[in-house]
Amino acid sequence: MKKNILLVDDDQRLRELLKDYLSEKKLDVFVCDDFNNADQIIKFFIFDLIILDRMMPTGDGIDLISSIKKYSNTPVIMLTAMGEDVNKIDGLKTGADDYVSKPFEPEELYLRIKKLLLLYNNINNQQINIGFGEYIFNTTTLNLKKNEKIIYLTEGENNLLLKLVKKRNDIVLREELADSEFDETELRKVDVSITRLRQKIETNPKQPQFIKTVRGKGYKLICNKL
């Protein structure tokens, strides 16, 4: 079954190029050139994935992400000419699932689209029980079990584990794991929470088997292969 993609970008040449390219890849691509129109469309139509330009004459694409996530769990890829890390982090913190900096190759975007669609398909198609080692985490009930025994987690630990599970076997930035505005205090809280979570699930928290540290970036949850 074809996946429906919404592309929001004010650059007509880019829209036409990407629509032709992605259509050849068997994706149904709908295009929008205006921030305000996109804001209305996402309230009434559900897409499998949205590609969103950061800067448009009628608004900042980052402001649409909250609206998108309010109405659906649709994955979002941000397109941006801003290469600075702070702008990428802003998008990720607001809810973007990935970003591509302009200029880029269409194939790179397509590969990122495939990866996100597969990830969300695995989660949404009854893949609510995610396993790592002898643990099973239910993404609906937020229950963590080991050999059918429930492991108590705080609300914060549940939310932290859920974020790691959603991008399992991939890096999750520390900024993505922070709950509020970016600052060093919040990042340190993330590190403390990771330490506490490791104490509950790792045999040796100082040499973790499941929650790996990716130096200078964040963390990665090593899960069983699907």
Protein backbone atom coordinates (compact mmCIF):
# COMPACT_ATOMS: atom_id res chain seq x y z
CA MET A 1 0.00 0.00 0.00
CA LYS A 2 1.41 3.40 -1.01
CA LYS A 3 2.44 5.81 1.71
CA ASN A 4 1.10 9.37 1.67
CA ILE A 5 3.73 12.09 1.99
CA LEU A 6 3.07 15.81 2.50
CA LEU A 7 5.83 18.11 1.25
CA VAL A 8 5.69 21.72 2.52
CA ASP A 9 8.19 24.06 0.86
CA ASP A 10 7.89 27.46 -0.83
CA ASP A 11 10.56 26.57 -3.44
CA GLN A 12 8.60 25.50 -6.53
CA ARG A 13 11.60 23.92 -8.26
CA LEU A 14 12.41 21.83 -5.20
CA ARG A 15 8.79 20.76 -4.79
CA GLU A 16 8.56 19.60 -8.39
CA LEU A 17 11.92 17.81 -8.27
CA LEU A 18 11.11 15.96 -5.05
CA LYS A 19 7.57 15.11 -6.10
CA ASP A 20 8.82 13.54 -9.34
CA TYR A 21 11.64 11.70 -7.61
CA LEU A 22 9.60 10.35 -4.69
CA SER A 23 6.68 9.43 -6.95
CA GLU A 24 9.10 7.22 -8.90
CA LYS A 25 9.80 5.52 -5.56
CA LYS A 26 6.11 4.57 -5.30
CA LEU A 27 5.18 7.25 -2.76
CA ASP A 28 2.03 9.40 -3.06
CA VAL A 29 3.32 12.95 -2.70
CA PHE A 30 1.09 15.93 -1.90
CA VAL A 31 2.64 19.38 -2.05
CA CYS A 32 1.96 22.67 -0.27
CA ASP A 33 3.80 25.96 -0.76
CA ASP A 34 2.39 27.97 2.10
CA PHE A 35 2.73 27.84 5.88
CA ASN A 36 -0.89 28.85 6.54
CA ASN A 37 -2.34 26.34 4.07
CA ALA A 38 -0.21 23.58 5.57
CA ASP A 39 -1.47 24.49 9.03
CA GLN A 40 -5.05 23.87 7.85
CA ILE A 41 -4.27 20.72 5.87
CA ILE A 42 -2.68 18.88 8.80
CA LYS A 43 -5.79 19.48 10.90
CA PHE A 44 -8.03 17.60 8.48
CA PHE A 45 -5.82 15.07 6.71
CA ILE A 46 -3.54 12.36 8.06
CA PHE A 47 -0.29 11.59 6.28
CA ASP A 48 2.22 8.81 6.79
CA LEU A 49 5.07 11.34 6.85
CA ILE A 50 5.55 15.09 6.48
CA ILE A 51 8.55 16.85 4.96
CA LEU A 52 8.66 20.39 6.26
CA ASP A 53 10.75 23.38 5.22
CA ARG A 54 12.12 25.42 8.11
CA MET A 55 11.90 28.94 6.69
CA MET A 56 8.96 30.13 4.55
CA PRO A 57 7.73 33.67 3.82
CA THR A 58 4.50 33.04 5.76
CA GLY A 59 6.06 31.38 8.79
CA ASP A 60 8.65 29.18 10.41
CA GLY A 61 8.08 25.49 9.73
CA ILE A 62 9.19 24.66 13.24
CA ASP A 63 5.98 26.24 14.52
CA LEU A 64 3.96 23.65 12.59
CA ILE A 65 5.52 20.71 14.35
CA SER A 66 3.56 21.21 17.56
CA SER A 67 0.33 21.31 15.55
CA ILE A 68 1.28 18.17 13.66
CA LYS A 69 2.08 16.24 16.84
CA LYS A 70 -1.10 17.56 18.46
CA TYR A 71 -3.32 15.94 15.85
CA SER A 72 -1.29 12.84 14.99
CA ASN A 73 1.87 10.87 15.61
CA THR A 74 3.03 11.51 12.04
CA PRO A 75 6.83 11.51 11.64
CA VAL A 76 8.34 14.81 10.48
CA ILE A 77 11.52 15.47 8.52
CA MET A 78 12.66 19.09 8.55
CA LEU A 79 14.41 20.68 5.59
CA THR A 80 16.61 23.58 6.56
CA ALA A 81 19.30 25.75 5.06
CA MET A 82 20.45 26.48 8.59
CA GLY A 83 23.36 24.17 9.31
CA GLU A 84 24.05 25.32 12.86
CA ASP A 85 23.54 22.64 15.51
CA VAL A 86 21.33 24.92 17.62
CA ASN A 87 18.71 25.10 14.84
CA LYS A 88 18.75 21.33 14.37
CA ILE A 89 18.35 20.90 18.10
CA ASP A 90 15.41 23.34 18.14
CA GLY A 91 13.63 21.20 15.56
CA LEU A 92 14.32 17.94 17.39
CA LYS A 93 13.21 19.40 20.71
CA THR A 94 9.94 20.57 19.17
CA GLY A 95 9.20 17.09 17.87
CA ALA A 96 10.91 16.66 14.50
CA ASP A 97 12.03 13.08 13.96
CA ASP A 98 14.87 13.91 11.58
CA TYR A 99 16.36 16.78 9.60
CA VAL A 100 18.11 17.27 6.27
CA SER A 101 20.26 20.33 5.60
CA LYS A 102 20.04 22.02 2.21
CA PRO A 103 21.50 21.39 -0.28
CA PHE A 104 20.97 17.63 -0.24
CA GLU A 105 20.70 14.68 -2.60
CA PRO A 106 17.14 13.37 -3.17
CA GLU A 107 18.40 9.86 -2.48
CA GLU A 108 19.54 10.90 1.00
CA LEU A 109 16.07 12.22 1.77
CA TYR A 110 14.46 9.07 0.39
CA LEU A 111 16.63 6.83 2.57
CA ARG A 112 15.68 8.85 5.65
CA ILE A 113 12.01 8.61 4.66
CA LYS A 114 12.30 4.81 4.31
CA LYS A 115 13.94 4.51 7.72
CA LEU A 116 11.27 6.58 9.49
CA LEU A 117 8.36 4.85 7.74
CA LEU A 118 9.78 1.46 8.73
CA LEU A 119 10.30 2.59 12.31
CA TYR A 120 6.78 3.97 12.69
CA ASN A 121 5.28 1.01 10.86
CA ASN A 122 6.95 -1.37 13.30
CA ILE A 123 5.66 0.60 16.27
CA ASN A 124 2.14 1.21 14.96
CA ASN A 125 1.46 -2.25 13.51
CA GLN A 126 0.92 -3.86 16.87
CA GLN A 127 4.61 -3.72 17.68
CA ILE A 128 3.77 -2.56 21.17
CA ASN A 129 6.05 -5.06 22.92
CA ILE A 130 9.68 -4.14 22.38
CA GLY A 131 12.31 -6.52 23.66
CA PHE A 132 15.86 -6.00 24.86
CA GLY A 133 17.58 -8.94 26.50
CA GLU A 134 15.08 -10.58 28.85
CA TYR A 135 13.08 -7.36 29.15
CA ILE A 136 9.82 -6.51 27.38
CA PHE A 137 8.58 -2.92 27.28
CA ASN A 138 4.96 -2.27 26.30
CA THR A 139 4.73 1.10 24.53
CA THR A 140 0.98 1.37 25.24
CA THR A 141 0.83 0.53 28.94
CA LEU A 142 4.44 1.65 29.58
CA ASN A 143 4.99 -1.52 31.61
CA LEU A 144 8.46 -3.00 31.74
CA LYS A 145 8.68 -6.71 32.49
CA LYS A 146 11.48 -9.18 32.99
CA ASN A 147 10.38 -12.81 32.75
CA GLU A 148 6.77 -11.66 33.32
CA LYS A 149 7.73 -9.76 36.47
CA ILE A 150 6.94 -6.04 36.37
CA ILE A 151 9.90 -3.72 36.95
CA TYR A 152 8.75 -0.55 38.68
CA LEU A 153 9.68 2.63 36.85
CA THR A 154 8.82 6.21 37.78
CA GLU A 155 6.81 8.31 35.33
CA GLY A 156 9.99 10.09 34.27
CA GLU A 157 11.81 6.79 33.72
CA ASN A 158 8.88 5.45 31.70
CA ASN A 159 8.91 8.50 29.44
CA LEU A 160 12.68 8.31 29.08
CA LEU A 161 12.57 4.64 28.12
CA LEU A 162 9.75 5.30 25.65
CA LYS A 163 11.85 7.93 23.85
CA LEU A 164 14.74 5.48 23.66
CA VAL A 165 12.46 2.70 22.42
CA LYS A 166 10.98 4.87 19.65
CA LYS A 167 14.47 5.27 18.18
CA ARG A 168 15.80 1.93 19.32
CA ASN A 169 19.19 0.90 17.99
CA ASP A 170 19.72 4.52 16.94
CA ILE A 171 21.21 7.56 18.68
CA VAL A 172 18.87 9.78 20.73
CA LEU A 173 20.37 13.19 21.44
CA ARG A 174 20.51 14.31 25.06
CA GLU A 175 18.54 17.39 23.96
CA GLU A 176 15.73 15.12 22.69
CA LEU A 177 15.56 13.41 26.09
CA ALA A 178 15.33 16.68 28.02
CA ASP A 179 11.81 17.61 29.07
CA SER A 180 12.06 21.38 29.00
CA GLU A 181 14.08 24.33 27.72
CA PHE A 182 17.65 23.63 26.69
CA ASP A 183 20.23 24.32 29.35
CA GLU A 184 23.04 22.49 31.08
CA THR A 185 20.92 21.76 34.15
CA GLU A 186 18.34 19.88 32.07
CA LEU A 187 21.05 17.90 30.29
CA ARG A 188 22.56 16.88 33.60
CA LYS A 189 19.12 15.75 34.74
CA VAL A 190 18.96 13.50 31.69
CA ASP A 191 22.31 11.94 32.60
CA VAL A 192 21.14 11.36 36.18
CA SER A 193 17.90 9.77 34.95
CA ILE A 194 19.83 7.50 32.59
CA THR A 195 22.02 6.40 35.51
CA ARG A 196 18.96 5.56 37.63
CA LEU A 197 17.32 3.67 34.76
CA ARG A 198 20.49 1.68 34.21
CA GLN A 199 20.51 0.70 37.87
CA LYS A 200 17.14 -0.96 37.35
CA ILE A 201 17.82 -2.84 34.12
CA GLU A 202 21.56 -3.36 33.78
CA THR A 203 23.46 -6.20 35.45
CA ASN A 204 26.45 -3.87 35.69
CA PRO A 205 25.32 -0.23 35.34
CA LYS A 206 28.92 0.92 34.87
CA GLN A 207 29.26 -1.37 31.86
CA PRO A 208 25.77 -1.14 30.35
CA GLN A 209 24.60 -3.79 27.94
CA PHE A 210 21.41 -2.07 26.79
CA ILE A 211 21.61 1.73 27.24
CA LYS A 212 24.82 2.73 25.55
CA THR A 213 26.45 6.16 25.82
CA VAL A 214 27.34 7.78 22.50
CA ARG A 215 30.04 10.20 23.55
CA GLY A 216 29.28 13.85 22.80
CA LYS A 217 25.81 13.06 21.43
CA GLY A 218 23.46 11.06 23.61
CA TYR A 219 22.32 7.50 24.19
CA LYS A 220 21.26 4.40 22.28
CA LEU A 221 18.99 1.57 23.42
CA ILE A 222 20.14 -1.77 22.03
CA CYS A 223 17.00 -3.81 21.34
CA ASN A 224 16.34 -7.26 19.99
CA LYS A 225 16.12 -7.39 16.20
CA LEU A 226 12.59 -7.44 14.83
